[in-house]
Protein backbone atom coordinates (compact mmCIF):
# COMPACT_ATOMS: atom_id res chain seq x y z
CA MET A 1 -12.80 -24.52 -23.94
CA GLU A 2 -13.09 -20.65 -24.24
CA HIS A 3 -11.56 -20.60 -20.57
CA LEU A 4 -8.40 -22.61 -21.83
CA ARG A 5 -7.55 -20.57 -24.20
CA GLN A 6 -7.90 -17.09 -22.46
CA ILE A 7 -5.45 -18.97 -19.81
CA GLN A 8 -2.98 -20.11 -22.80
CA ARG A 9 -3.27 -16.63 -24.12
CA ALA A 10 -1.61 -15.69 -21.28
CA ILE A 11 0.91 -18.20 -20.78
CA ASP A 12 2.02 -17.18 -24.04
CA TYR A 13 2.07 -13.67 -23.79
CA ILE A 14 4.28 -14.78 -20.42
CA GLU A 15 6.73 -16.70 -22.83
CA ASP A 16 6.94 -13.83 -24.61
CA HIS A 17 7.99 -11.07 -22.15
CA LEU A 18 9.85 -12.96 -19.35
CA ASP A 19 12.49 -10.55 -19.36
CA GLU A 20 10.07 -7.77 -18.36
CA ASP A 21 7.96 -6.69 -15.43
CA LEU A 22 4.88 -8.31 -16.01
CA SER A 23 1.82 -6.98 -13.91
CA THR A 24 -1.46 -8.75 -13.17
CA ASP A 25 -3.27 -6.03 -15.00
CA SER A 26 -1.18 -6.16 -18.32
CA ILE A 27 -1.61 -10.30 -18.29
CA ALA A 28 -5.72 -10.17 -16.97
CA LYS A 29 -6.54 -7.75 -19.58
CA VAL A 30 -4.37 -10.55 -22.43
CA ALA A 31 -6.60 -12.95 -21.24
CA GLY A 32 -9.96 -11.39 -21.69
CA PHE A 33 -10.34 -11.49 -17.41
CA SER A 34 -11.29 -9.09 -14.70
CA LYS A 35 -8.27 -9.15 -12.40
CA TRP A 36 -9.85 -10.47 -9.78
CA HIS A 37 -11.38 -13.59 -11.54
CA PHE A 38 -8.33 -13.81 -13.67
CA GLN A 39 -6.03 -14.88 -10.56
CA MET A 40 -8.17 -17.32 -9.38
CA VAL A 41 -8.89 -19.10 -12.80
CA PHE A 42 -5.46 -18.78 -13.28
CA SER A 43 -3.96 -20.77 -9.87
CA SER A 44 -6.77 -23.04 -9.82
CA ALA A 45 -6.11 -24.32 -13.60
CA VAL A 46 -2.39 -23.85 -13.30
CA GLY A 47 -1.58 -24.95 -9.98
CA ASP A 48 0.78 -22.13 -9.13
CA THR A 49 -0.42 -18.05 -8.84
CA LEU A 50 0.16 -16.26 -11.19
CA LYS A 51 3.49 -14.64 -9.23
CA GLU A 52 4.72 -18.19 -8.50
CA TYR A 53 4.30 -19.44 -12.26
CA VAL A 54 6.55 -16.30 -13.66
CA ARG A 55 9.01 -16.05 -11.06
CA LYS A 56 9.85 -20.16 -11.76
CA ARG A 57 9.49 -19.94 -15.95
CA LYS A 58 12.03 -16.67 -15.14
CA LEU A 59 14.20 -19.02 -13.38
CA THR A 60 13.75 -21.88 -15.71
CA THR A 61 15.08 -19.97 -18.66
CA ALA A 62 17.94 -19.16 -16.04
CA VAL A 63 18.95 -22.87 -15.39
CA VAL A 64 19.06 -23.22 -18.90
CA ALA A 65 21.47 -20.13 -19.52
CA LEU A 66 23.75 -21.51 -16.46
CA GLY A 67 23.80 -24.85 -18.12
CA THR A 68 24.50 -23.68 -21.97
CA THR A 69 26.09 -20.58 -22.01
CA GLU A 70 28.91 -18.87 -20.80
CA LYS A 71 27.36 -15.65 -19.88
CA ARG A 72 28.05 -13.96 -16.32
CA ILE A 73 25.49 -14.96 -13.98
CA LEU A 74 24.77 -11.18 -13.29
CA ASP A 75 24.00 -10.56 -17.12
CA ILE A 76 21.90 -13.97 -16.71
CA ALA A 77 19.87 -12.71 -13.92
CA LEU A 78 18.94 -9.45 -15.52
CA ASP A 79 18.10 -11.06 -18.86
CA ALA A 80 15.44 -13.12 -16.87
CA GLY A 81 13.78 -9.69 -15.39
CA PHE A 82 15.59 -9.69 -11.82
CA GLU A 83 16.69 -6.31 -10.69
CA SER A 84 19.91 -7.26 -9.40
CA GLN A 85 21.96 -10.26 -8.76
CA GLU A 86 21.42 -10.42 -5.14
CA ALA A 87 17.91 -10.79 -5.67
CA PHE A 88 18.21 -13.49 -8.29
CA THR A 89 20.30 -15.80 -6.32
CA ARG A 90 18.03 -15.24 -3.34
CA ALA A 91 14.84 -16.42 -5.48
CA PHE A 92 17.04 -19.27 -7.26
CA LYS A 93 18.38 -20.41 -3.93
CA GLN A 94 14.56 -20.29 -2.36
CA MET A 95 13.92 -22.73 -5.16
CA TYR A 96 16.94 -24.80 -6.19
CA GLY A 97 18.44 -25.45 -2.55
CA LYS A 98 21.25 -24.02 -3.40
CA ASN A 99 23.16 -20.45 -5.40
CA PRO A 100 23.38 -20.13 -9.21
CA GLY A 101 26.90 -20.19 -9.26
CA GLU A 102 26.73 -24.01 -6.90
CA CYS A 103 24.38 -24.96 -10.03
CA ARG A 104 26.69 -24.41 -12.61
CA LYS A 105 29.79 -25.67 -10.96
CA GLU A 106 28.04 -29.02 -10.04
CA GLY A 107 25.96 -28.97 -13.30
CA ILE A 108 22.10 -28.75 -13.43
CA LYS A 109 21.15 -32.28 -14.00
CA SER A 110 20.41 -32.70 -10.86
CA ILE A 111 17.48 -30.06 -10.16
CA LEU A 112 15.95 -30.02 -13.82
CA SER A 113 13.22 -32.11 -12.72
CA LEU A 114 12.22 -29.19 -10.36
CA ASN A 115 12.29 -26.95 -13.22
CA LYS A 116 8.67 -25.29 -14.14
CA PRO A 117 7.73 -26.41 -17.50
CA LYS A 118 5.58 -24.58 -20.10
CA ILE A 119 1.84 -24.96 -19.57
CA THR A 120 0.12 -26.28 -23.18
CA MET A 121 -3.43 -26.36 -23.90
CA ALA A 122 -2.74 -30.46 -24.59
CA TYR A 123 -1.82 -29.63 -20.66
CA LEU A 124 -4.64 -28.20 -19.82
CA ASP A 125 -7.18 -30.39 -21.40
CA HIS A 126 -6.20 -33.24 -19.74
CA LEU A 127 -5.47 -31.90 -16.34
CA TYR A 128 -9.07 -30.95 -16.52
CA GLY A 129 -11.12 -33.55 -18.38
CA GLY A 130 -12.33 -35.88 -15.74
CA ILE A 131 -14.44 -34.51 -13.30
CA ASN A 132 -18.01 -33.66 -13.83
CA MET A 133 -19.79 -31.89 -11.02
CA GLN A 134 -22.73 -29.35 -12.46
CA PRO A 135 -24.18 -26.51 -10.92
CA VAL A 136 -27.69 -24.68 -10.86
CA ILE A 137 -27.88 -21.80 -13.31
CA LYS A 138 -30.04 -19.10 -11.82
CA PHE A 139 -30.53 -15.41 -11.64
CA VAL A 140 -30.53 -13.68 -8.36
CA ASP A 141 -31.62 -10.12 -7.44
CA GLU A 142 -30.27 -7.45 -5.93
CA LYS A 143 -29.35 -8.00 -2.19
CA LYS A 144 -28.66 -5.51 0.48
CA ILE A 145 -26.02 -7.17 3.23
CA VAL A 146 -25.26 -5.88 6.74
CA GLY A 147 -22.36 -7.90 8.51
CA MET A 148 -18.80 -7.39 9.89
CA GLY A 149 -15.64 -7.64 7.16
CA THR A 150 -12.13 -8.22 6.96
CA LYS A 151 -8.89 -8.79 4.30
CA PHE A 152 -7.88 -12.14 4.00
CA ILE A 153 -5.10 -14.29 1.81
CA SER A 154 -7.10 -16.50 -1.13
CA ALA A 155 -7.79 -20.38 -0.87
CA LEU A 156 -6.06 -20.52 -3.98
CA SER A 157 -2.93 -18.70 -2.91
CA PRO A 158 0.05 -20.77 -1.27
CA ASP A 159 0.24 -18.15 1.44
CA HIS A 160 -3.28 -18.78 2.31
CA ASP A 161 -4.84 -18.29 5.97
CA ASN A 162 -8.72 -17.98 4.84
CA LEU A 163 -9.18 -21.28 7.16
CA LYS A 164 -7.70 -19.32 9.94
CA VAL A 165 -8.72 -15.51 9.11
CA ILE A 166 -12.78 -16.42 8.35
CA PRO A 167 -13.58 -18.72 11.07
CA ALA A 168 -12.47 -15.89 13.51
CA LEU A 169 -14.23 -13.57 11.64
CA TRP A 170 -17.90 -15.42 12.15
CA ALA A 171 -16.56 -16.08 15.90
CA LYS A 172 -17.05 -11.92 15.80
CA TYR A 173 -20.00 -11.70 13.78
CA VAL A 174 -22.41 -14.75 14.81
CA PRO A 175 -23.13 -13.77 18.49
CA ARG A 176 -23.64 -9.91 17.03
CA SER A 177 -25.37 -10.99 14.02
CA GLN A 178 -29.00 -10.26 16.34
CA GLU A 179 -28.35 -6.96 16.64
CA ILE A 180 -28.78 -6.30 12.72
CA LYS A 181 -32.52 -4.90 12.16
CA SER A 182 -34.82 -6.19 9.29
CA ARG A 183 -33.21 -9.01 8.70
CA ILE A 184 -35.25 -10.89 5.48
CA SER A 185 -33.88 -14.68 6.68
CA SER A 186 -32.32 -16.79 9.42
CA ALA A 187 -29.44 -17.39 6.71
CA ASP A 188 -26.14 -15.94 6.64
CA LEU A 189 -23.93 -14.74 3.88
CA GLY A 190 -20.48 -14.87 3.01
CA VAL A 191 -19.23 -11.78 0.52
CA CYS A 192 -15.78 -12.06 -0.90
CA PHE A 193 -14.54 -9.87 -3.64
CA ASP A 194 -11.48 -7.77 -4.79
CA PRO A 195 -10.20 -5.00 -2.04
CA GLY A 196 -9.07 -3.01 -5.06
CA LYS A 197 -5.57 -1.58 -4.83
CA GLU A 198 -5.73 -1.59 -0.86
CA LYS A 199 -4.01 -4.55 -0.78
CA SER A 200 -0.76 -5.56 1.69
CA HIS A 201 -0.52 -8.97 -0.65
CA PRO A 202 -1.19 -9.76 -4.31
CA ASP A 203 -3.71 -12.24 -3.22
CA GLU A 204 -5.57 -10.35 -0.90
CA CYS A 205 -9.44 -10.68 -0.72
CA PHE A 206 -11.99 -9.04 1.57
CA TYR A 207 -14.55 -11.24 3.14
CA LEU A 208 -17.79 -10.50 4.96
CA ALA A 209 -20.14 -12.20 7.12
CA GLY A 210 -23.34 -10.71 6.91
CA THR A 211 -27.08 -11.55 6.33
CA GLU A 212 -29.35 -9.97 3.59
CA VAL A 213 -31.79 -7.07 5.04
CA LYS A 214 -34.73 -5.22 3.84
CA SER A 215 -32.89 -1.99 4.66
CA ALA A 216 -29.22 -0.53 5.46
CA ASP A 217 -30.60 2.19 6.86
CA GLU A 218 -29.55 0.96 10.73
CA ILE A 219 -26.21 -0.35 10.64
CA PRO A 220 -24.57 -1.80 14.16
CA GLU A 221 -21.32 -0.36 15.68
CA GLY A 222 -18.09 -1.70 14.04
CA MET A 223 -20.73 -2.92 11.02
CA MET A 224 -20.49 -2.46 7.53
CA ALA A 225 -23.34 -2.84 4.50
CA MET A 226 -22.96 -3.61 0.94
CA THR A 227 -25.70 -3.93 -2.14
CA ILE A 228 -24.85 -7.01 -4.70
CA PRO A 229 -25.68 -6.51 -7.72
CA ALA A 230 -28.32 -8.39 -9.62
CA GLY A 231 -27.08 -10.89 -12.00
CA GLN A 232 -26.63 -14.76 -13.12
CA TYR A 233 -24.66 -17.57 -11.06
CA ALA A 234 -23.66 -20.88 -11.12
CA VAL A 235 -24.46 -22.29 -7.54
CA PHE A 236 -22.72 -25.04 -6.33
CA THR A 237 -22.94 -26.97 -3.38
CA HIS A 238 -19.97 -27.73 -1.28
CA LYS A 239 -20.99 -30.68 0.66
CA GLY A 240 -18.29 -31.79 3.67
CA SER A 241 -16.67 -30.02 6.28
CA ILE A 242 -15.10 -26.39 5.83
CA GLU A 243 -11.79 -27.82 5.90
CA LYS A 244 -12.42 -29.13 2.07
CA LEU A 245 -13.73 -26.13 0.84
CA ASN A 246 -10.47 -24.95 -0.67
CA PHE A 247 -11.11 -28.53 -2.94
CA THR A 248 -13.87 -27.52 -3.91
CA MET A 249 -13.39 -23.45 -5.11
CA LYS A 250 -9.99 -25.26 -7.32
CA TYR A 251 -12.62 -27.65 -8.72
CA ILE A 252 -14.67 -24.49 -9.95
CA TYR A 253 -12.13 -22.11 -11.03
CA GLY A 254 -10.00 -24.96 -12.37
CA SER A 255 -11.98 -28.01 -13.73
CA TRP A 256 -15.57 -26.84 -14.30
CA LEU A 257 -15.40 -23.19 -15.46
CA PRO A 258 -12.53 -24.32 -18.36
CA LYS A 259 -15.06 -26.98 -19.32
CA SER A 260 -18.40 -24.99 -19.00
CA GLY A 261 -18.23 -22.47 -21.98
CA GLN A 262 -19.72 -19.78 -19.09
CA LYS A 263 -18.13 -16.42 -18.66
CA LEU A 264 -17.20 -15.17 -15.42
CA ARG A 265 -18.79 -11.82 -14.17
CA ASP A 266 -17.40 -9.19 -11.99
CA ALA A 267 -19.23 -9.48 -9.38
CA PRO A 268 -18.90 -10.67 -5.61
CA ASP A 269 -19.04 -14.00 -5.09
CA LEU A 270 -21.34 -15.22 -2.38
CA GLU A 271 -21.66 -18.28 0.18
CA ILE A 272 -25.11 -19.18 1.83
CA TYR A 273 -25.32 -20.56 5.43
CA ASP A 274 -28.70 -22.22 6.52
CA GLN A 275 -29.48 -24.84 8.58
CA ARG A 276 -27.40 -27.09 6.38
CA PHE A 277 -24.22 -26.47 7.88
CA ARG A 278 -22.45 -27.69 10.38
CA PRO A 279 -18.87 -26.62 10.32
CA ASP A 280 -17.42 -30.15 11.44
CA SER A 281 -19.97 -32.71 9.75
CA GLU A 282 -18.98 -34.51 6.64
CA ASP A 283 -23.10 -33.89 6.43
CA SER A 284 -22.68 -30.56 6.28
CA GLU A 285 -23.76 -28.10 2.93
CA LEU A 286 -23.27 -24.70 2.03
CA ASP A 287 -24.00 -23.37 -1.76
CA ILE A 288 -21.64 -21.27 -3.19
CA TYR A 289 -22.55 -18.49 -6.11
CA ILE A 290 -20.21 -17.65 -8.68
CA PRO A 291 -21.13 -14.98 -10.79
CA ILE A 292 -21.76 -15.54 -14.23
CA GLN A 293 -22.50 -13.56 -17.49
């Protein structure tokens, strides 16, 4: 329940500041999450990315103002936190299929069903009350990883491109994986983490396809090395084709985590690909490591 309360604190903060320029950093701080994990937890639990949720709530308050006041559209746009009437109209039409003037003239009843309701604790508790998938909790020693990396847009984003970008990265990495010296095992690892400020999209992440090594002194050309700090992890086993991995990730962050009582640790997520992994098979398995405190 603590994670649900943290999400609700974030939502309450958003509602109180809808007329302002809300930043992910400020909302994550109120919720008590790192920015990286907050975006994953929020979108999994609420069903929208943070950016989408804020935009939809701003537009919902604007629709109410259009239907219940005589305010100018420009004033409604500014009250809703938009920089201009043009920006407001563009977002409004994208969501509702008509511009604010048409909506006011025709009445708002036809689009009320498209509004984004305010999320409540009762809603979150109901939404994530019925699924059960328990991970193994284990401590993992520090790991040195060598491999090839790329940026991608998270599976939890409506703009996600992970199922396109990450398989392409693995296709480049696998033929060269034997160039890596001092491999510890035949298993490969996927390492997912926040790239920091160097983002071209708010939901952008960095993914490293690689393997654990004893030493990262020799790095093949075009590859990189990183160290994963030791720490506690919740380990889930994803069963089925890789195309269904998004479902597992949304379950972990949107259902299991809020109910588990666990708190996230600011460290990369890990994926372990061993002999059980067969990407197109429903019998395939891979392990997902979620860092917890």
